[in-house]
């Protein structure tokens, strides 16, 4: 049975990859720059959005897709799996479950919702593994069990070039943000294993940051041979390629995908931000 994959727009899915993976819908989030709202769909003018964000002095936020959006996506796919951003970071997972319940009331019943406990590259990685299992004809219940285990063992890290939006949202204060910039510290943040965000390292400079990521891959004891790694970037292809090259020299991933970020992740990662998952 061919299951479709549905994701929210925190999954940095470009059209080519969406077609490859059989993604039937990307349910959009709402992005806010102060009082101005944007829909994170295929019509979003991302360069224009980023330019407005750069001069916005107010708080920048996002809102999870409404249950109705998930309901429509589920009803349009007879059989589906839904992948959402971590439930600790957004209400997307909860709204997807509500959308599923609404769809079931209308007769659609064959769907399952996965809380990725991640975002961006992590959601893409889950979708990749999902398509692999679906294509191999693995039964639904075994797919659910395998994906839940995969999510529990997946590693997600991100590194930012700018901290303006974290400051605007009160995640770090202005003094800390300025000190980090002046010292050229590359904060490596990422999942705590349950979908929350913690600090993993404070290397100085790009080379130390890449060395630290390589050490994380090695110490994770995860099998890399035959597996995928995903690197998502916000207008920072050179760093994404530099990281891809370094990882390729030391590990045997079958593929390392480089994907530009969509609107939601671009809002938080900001220009030059990078997110990776394996």
Protein backbone atom coordinates (compact mmCIF):
# COMPACT_ATOMS: atom_id res chain seq x y z
CA UNK A 1 0.00 0.00 0.00
CA UNK A 2 1.42 3.39 -0.99
CA UNK A 3 1.24 5.77 1.95
CA UNK A 4 1.55 9.49 1.30
CA UNK A 5 3.67 11.68 3.55
CA UNK A 6 2.35 14.95 4.98
CA UNK A 7 4.59 17.47 6.75
CA UNK A 8 4.29 20.94 8.26
CA UNK A 9 6.32 23.78 6.79
CA UNK A 10 9.01 23.48 9.46
CA UNK A 11 10.13 20.52 7.37
CA UNK A 12 12.52 22.09 4.87
CA UNK A 13 11.22 20.22 1.85
CA UNK A 14 12.03 21.51 -1.64
CA UNK A 15 9.82 20.48 -4.61
CA UNK A 16 12.29 17.94 -5.98
CA UNK A 17 12.62 16.12 -2.68
CA UNK A 18 8.88 16.30 -2.07
CA UNK A 19 8.27 14.51 -5.38
CA UNK A 20 10.94 11.90 -4.61
CA UNK A 21 9.45 11.12 -1.22
CA UNK A 22 5.81 11.20 -2.21
CA UNK A 23 4.99 14.18 0.01
CA UNK A 24 1.39 14.99 -0.81
CA UNK A 25 1.09 18.17 1.29
CA UNK A 26 3.18 20.69 3.20
CA UNK A 27 0.78 22.26 5.71
CA UNK A 28 1.87 25.89 6.17
CA UNK A 29 2.62 27.73 9.37
CA UNK A 30 1.87 31.43 9.83
CA UNK A 31 4.85 33.76 10.26
CA UNK A 32 4.58 37.13 12.00
CA UNK A 33 6.85 40.16 11.84
CA UNK A 34 5.31 42.38 14.46
CA UNK A 35 1.66 42.67 13.40
CA UNK A 36 2.24 41.60 9.80
CA UNK A 37 1.42 37.99 8.87
CA UNK A 38 2.81 35.73 6.15
CA UNK A 39 1.73 32.24 5.09
CA UNK A 40 4.68 29.85 4.85
CA UNK A 41 3.64 28.22 1.60
CA UNK A 42 4.99 27.96 -1.96
CA UNK A 43 3.91 31.55 -2.68
CA UNK A 44 6.01 33.08 0.11
CA UNK A 45 8.56 35.54 -1.27
CA UNK A 46 11.36 34.34 0.99
CA UNK A 47 13.99 36.95 -0.01
CA UNK A 48 11.40 39.69 0.50
CA UNK A 49 10.35 38.19 3.82
CA UNK A 50 13.97 37.99 5.01
CA UNK A 51 14.56 41.62 3.97
CA UNK A 52 11.54 42.75 5.99
CA UNK A 53 12.62 40.65 8.94
CA UNK A 54 16.08 42.24 8.91
CA UNK A 55 14.61 45.69 9.56
CA UNK A 56 11.77 44.60 11.85
CA UNK A 57 12.19 46.04 15.34
CA UNK A 58 9.27 44.13 16.82
CA UNK A 59 9.01 40.53 17.93
CA UNK A 60 9.10 37.90 15.19
CA UNK A 61 7.10 34.72 15.82
CA UNK A 62 5.34 31.84 14.12
CA UNK A 63 2.03 30.04 14.63
CA UNK A 64 1.40 26.35 14.03
CA UNK A 65 -0.87 25.23 11.16
CA UNK A 66 -4.55 25.06 12.16
CA UNK A 67 -6.24 21.65 12.58
CA UNK A 68 -8.34 22.34 9.47
CA UNK A 69 -5.18 22.46 7.35
CA UNK A 70 -4.13 19.04 8.54
CA UNK A 71 -7.66 17.70 8.12
CA UNK A 72 -7.74 18.73 4.45
CA UNK A 73 -4.32 17.19 3.80
CA UNK A 74 -5.29 13.91 5.50
CA UNK A 75 -8.61 13.68 3.67
CA UNK A 76 -6.91 14.22 0.31
CA UNK A 77 -4.58 11.26 0.92
CA UNK A 78 -6.31 7.91 1.40
CA UNK A 79 -3.39 6.52 3.41
CA UNK A 80 -0.87 8.80 5.08
CA UNK A 81 1.81 9.44 7.66
CA UNK A 82 2.16 12.95 9.09
CA UNK A 83 5.47 14.34 10.41
CA UNK A 84 5.45 17.48 12.58
CA UNK A 85 7.93 19.70 14.35
CA UNK A 86 8.68 18.79 17.98
CA UNK A 87 5.65 19.12 20.22
CA UNK A 88 7.87 20.98 22.71
CA UNK A 89 8.50 23.74 20.18
CA UNK A 90 5.09 24.17 18.56
CA UNK A 91 1.43 23.19 18.70
CA UNK A 92 1.72 21.60 15.25
CA UNK A 93 1.66 18.02 16.56
CA UNK A 94 -1.41 18.68 18.71
CA UNK A 95 -3.20 20.36 15.80
CA UNK A 96 -2.30 17.49 13.50
CA UNK A 97 -3.94 15.09 15.96
CA UNK A 98 -7.03 17.32 16.06
CA UNK A 99 -7.03 17.42 12.27
CA UNK A 100 -6.80 13.64 12.16
CA UNK A 101 -9.80 13.36 14.52
CA UNK A 102 -11.78 15.74 12.31
CA UNK A 103 -10.86 13.70 9.23
CA UNK A 104 -11.93 10.49 10.97
CA UNK A 105 -15.34 12.01 11.65
CA UNK A 106 -15.59 12.52 7.89
CA UNK A 107 -14.63 8.90 7.16
CA UNK A 108 -10.84 9.15 6.73
CA UNK A 109 -9.15 6.75 9.14
CA UNK A 110 -5.83 5.44 7.80
CA UNK A 111 -3.24 7.93 9.04
CA UNK A 112 -0.63 8.17 11.78
CA UNK A 113 1.00 11.30 13.27
CA UNK A 114 4.70 11.36 14.17
CA UNK A 115 6.15 13.92 16.59
CA UNK A 116 9.63 14.28 15.08
CA UNK A 117 11.05 15.69 18.35
CA UNK A 118 13.03 17.85 15.95
CA UNK A 119 12.54 20.37 13.12
CA UNK A 120 13.93 21.29 9.72
CA UNK A 121 16.62 18.74 8.79
CA UNK A 122 15.30 16.33 11.42
CA UNK A 123 11.84 16.28 9.89
CA UNK A 124 13.35 15.73 6.44
CA UNK A 125 15.38 12.81 7.81
CA UNK A 126 12.24 11.21 9.26
CA UNK A 127 10.47 11.61 5.90
CA UNK A 128 13.43 9.97 4.14
CA UNK A 129 13.30 6.98 6.46
CA UNK A 130 9.53 6.79 6.11
CA UNK A 131 9.73 6.60 2.31
CA UNK A 132 12.41 3.92 2.54
CA UNK A 133 10.24 1.73 4.75
CA UNK A 134 7.10 2.34 2.67
CA UNK A 135 8.94 1.50 -0.55
CA UNK A 136 10.24 -1.72 0.99
CA UNK A 137 6.68 -2.84 1.69
CA UNK A 138 7.05 -2.83 5.47
CA UNK A 139 3.66 -3.24 7.24
CA UNK A 140 2.18 -0.11 8.83
CA UNK A 141 2.57 -1.20 12.46
CA UNK A 142 6.22 -2.10 11.89
CA UNK A 143 6.80 1.25 10.18
CA UNK A 144 5.38 3.05 13.22
CA UNK A 145 7.58 1.09 15.59
CA UNK A 146 10.69 1.60 13.46
CA UNK A 147 10.13 5.33 12.96
CA UNK A 148 9.51 5.94 16.67
CA UNK A 149 12.81 4.21 17.43
CA UNK A 150 14.54 6.18 14.65
CA UNK A 151 13.24 9.47 16.10
CA UNK A 152 14.43 8.55 19.59
CA UNK A 153 17.97 7.96 18.30
CA UNK A 154 18.19 10.79 15.76
CA UNK A 155 20.57 13.69 16.44
CA UNK A 156 19.78 17.29 15.48
CA UNK A 157 22.14 20.28 15.82
CA UNK A 158 22.04 23.88 14.67
CA UNK A 159 24.50 26.75 14.52
CA UNK A 160 23.55 30.39 14.01
CA UNK A 161 25.50 33.29 12.58
CA UNK A 162 23.17 35.93 14.00
CA UNK A 163 21.29 35.98 17.27
CA UNK A 164 18.96 38.94 16.61
CA UNK A 165 15.77 36.88 16.60
CA UNK A 166 16.76 34.93 19.71
CA UNK A 167 17.29 38.29 21.40
CA UNK A 168 13.94 39.63 20.12
CA UNK A 169 12.22 36.54 21.48
CA UNK A 170 13.98 36.74 24.85
CA UNK A 171 15.91 33.47 24.39
CA UNK A 172 19.20 35.25 25.11
CA UNK A 173 19.77 38.80 26.32
CA UNK A 174 21.41 41.58 24.30
CA UNK A 175 24.65 41.52 26.30
CA UNK A 176 25.11 37.78 25.80
CA UNK A 177 24.32 38.11 22.10
CA UNK A 178 26.92 40.85 21.63
CA UNK A 179 29.59 38.93 23.56
CA UNK A 180 28.99 35.79 21.49
CA UNK A 181 29.41 37.83 18.29
CA UNK A 182 32.55 39.63 19.45
CA UNK A 183 34.28 36.43 20.58
CA UNK A 184 33.39 34.59 17.35
CA UNK A 185 31.79 31.84 19.43
CA UNK A 186 29.71 29.38 17.41
CA UNK A 187 27.05 28.12 19.78
CA UNK A 188 26.10 24.56 18.83
CA UNK A 189 22.57 23.96 19.99
CA UNK A 190 20.24 21.09 19.32
CA UNK A 191 17.73 18.57 20.56
CA UNK A 192 17.90 17.24 24.09
CA UNK A 193 16.52 13.91 22.84
CA UNK A 194 12.95 14.75 23.81
CA UNK A 195 12.34 17.64 21.45
CA UNK A 196 13.57 20.50 23.61
CA UNK A 197 16.64 22.63 22.86
CA UNK A 198 19.90 22.61 24.82
CA UNK A 199 23.43 23.95 24.32
CA UNK A 200 25.89 21.29 23.13
CA UNK A 201 29.08 23.26 22.59
CA UNK A 202 30.78 26.67 22.37
CA UNK A 203 33.62 26.33 19.84
CA UNK A 204 35.36 29.39 18.43
CA UNK A 205 35.29 29.77 14.68
CA UNK A 206 34.04 27.62 11.84
CA UNK A 207 36.84 25.03 11.86
CA UNK A 208 36.39 24.26 15.55
CA UNK A 209 32.65 24.07 15.02
CA UNK A 210 33.01 21.51 12.23
CA UNK A 211 35.49 19.48 14.30
CA UNK A 212 32.97 19.47 17.14
CA UNK A 213 30.17 18.24 14.85
CA UNK A 214 32.45 15.44 13.61
CA UNK A 215 33.12 14.45 17.22
CA UNK A 216 29.37 14.39 17.90
CA UNK A 217 28.80 12.03 14.97
CA UNK A 218 31.60 9.75 16.15
CA UNK A 219 30.53 9.69 19.80
CA UNK A 220 26.86 9.06 18.89
CA UNK A 221 27.78 5.48 17.90
CA UNK A 222 25.12 5.73 15.19
CA UNK A 223 25.59 3.61 12.10
CA UNK A 224 26.34 5.92 9.16
CA UNK A 225 26.92 3.35 6.43
CA UNK A 226 23.80 3.20 4.26
CA UNK A 227 22.12 6.03 6.18
CA UNK A 228 21.38 9.67 5.27
CA UNK A 229 22.38 13.00 6.73
CA UNK A 230 20.53 16.25 6.05
CA UNK A 231 21.98 19.76 6.18
CA UNK A 232 19.58 22.70 5.86
CA UNK A 233 20.90 26.23 5.48
CA UNK A 234 19.55 29.76 5.39
CA UNK A 235 21.51 31.33 2.51
CA UNK A 236 24.75 29.64 3.57
CA UNK A 237 25.54 27.09 0.88
CA UNK A 238 29.35 27.47 1.29
CA UNK A 239 29.24 26.38 4.95
CA UNK A 240 26.78 23.58 4.15
CA UNK A 241 29.17 22.26 1.48
CA UNK A 242 32.17 22.67 3.79
CA UNK A 243 30.40 20.62 6.44
CA UNK A 244 29.28 18.05 3.85
CA UNK A 245 32.88 17.65 2.61
CA UNK A 246 34.28 17.22 6.13
CA UNK A 247 31.67 14.60 7.06
CA UNK A 248 32.23 12.71 3.79
CA UNK A 249 35.95 12.42 4.57
CA UNK A 250 35.29 10.73 7.91
CA UNK A 251 32.00 8.83 7.61
CA UNK A 252 30.15 6.63 5.14
CA UNK A 253 26.69 8.14 4.81
CA UNK A 254 25.03 6.96 1.60
CA UNK A 255 23.96 10.56 0.97
CA UNK A 256 24.28 13.98 2.56
CA UNK A 257 21.47 16.20 1.34
CA UNK A 258 21.83 19.98 1.33
CA UNK A 259 18.52 21.86 1.35
CA UNK A 260 17.66 25.59 1.69
CA UNK A 261 15.43 26.46 4.62
CA UNK A 262 11.80 27.45 4.11
CA UNK A 263 10.16 30.44 5.80
CA UNK A 264 9.56 29.08 9.31
CA UNK A 265 13.09 27.83 9.90
CA UNK A 266 14.58 30.87 8.14
CA UNK A 267 12.74 33.03 10.66
CA UNK A 268 14.53 31.42 13.59
CA UNK A 269 17.82 30.36 12.02
CA UNK A 270 18.16 33.78 10.34
CA UNK A 271 20.71 34.51 7.60
CA UNK A 272 23.64 32.04 7.58
CA UNK A 273 22.00 29.71 10.10
CA UNK A 274 22.45 25.99 9.54
CA UNK A 275 20.60 22.91 10.83
CA UNK A 276 21.80 19.31 10.51
CA UNK A 277 20.43 15.91 11.43
CA UNK A 278 21.67 12.33 11.22
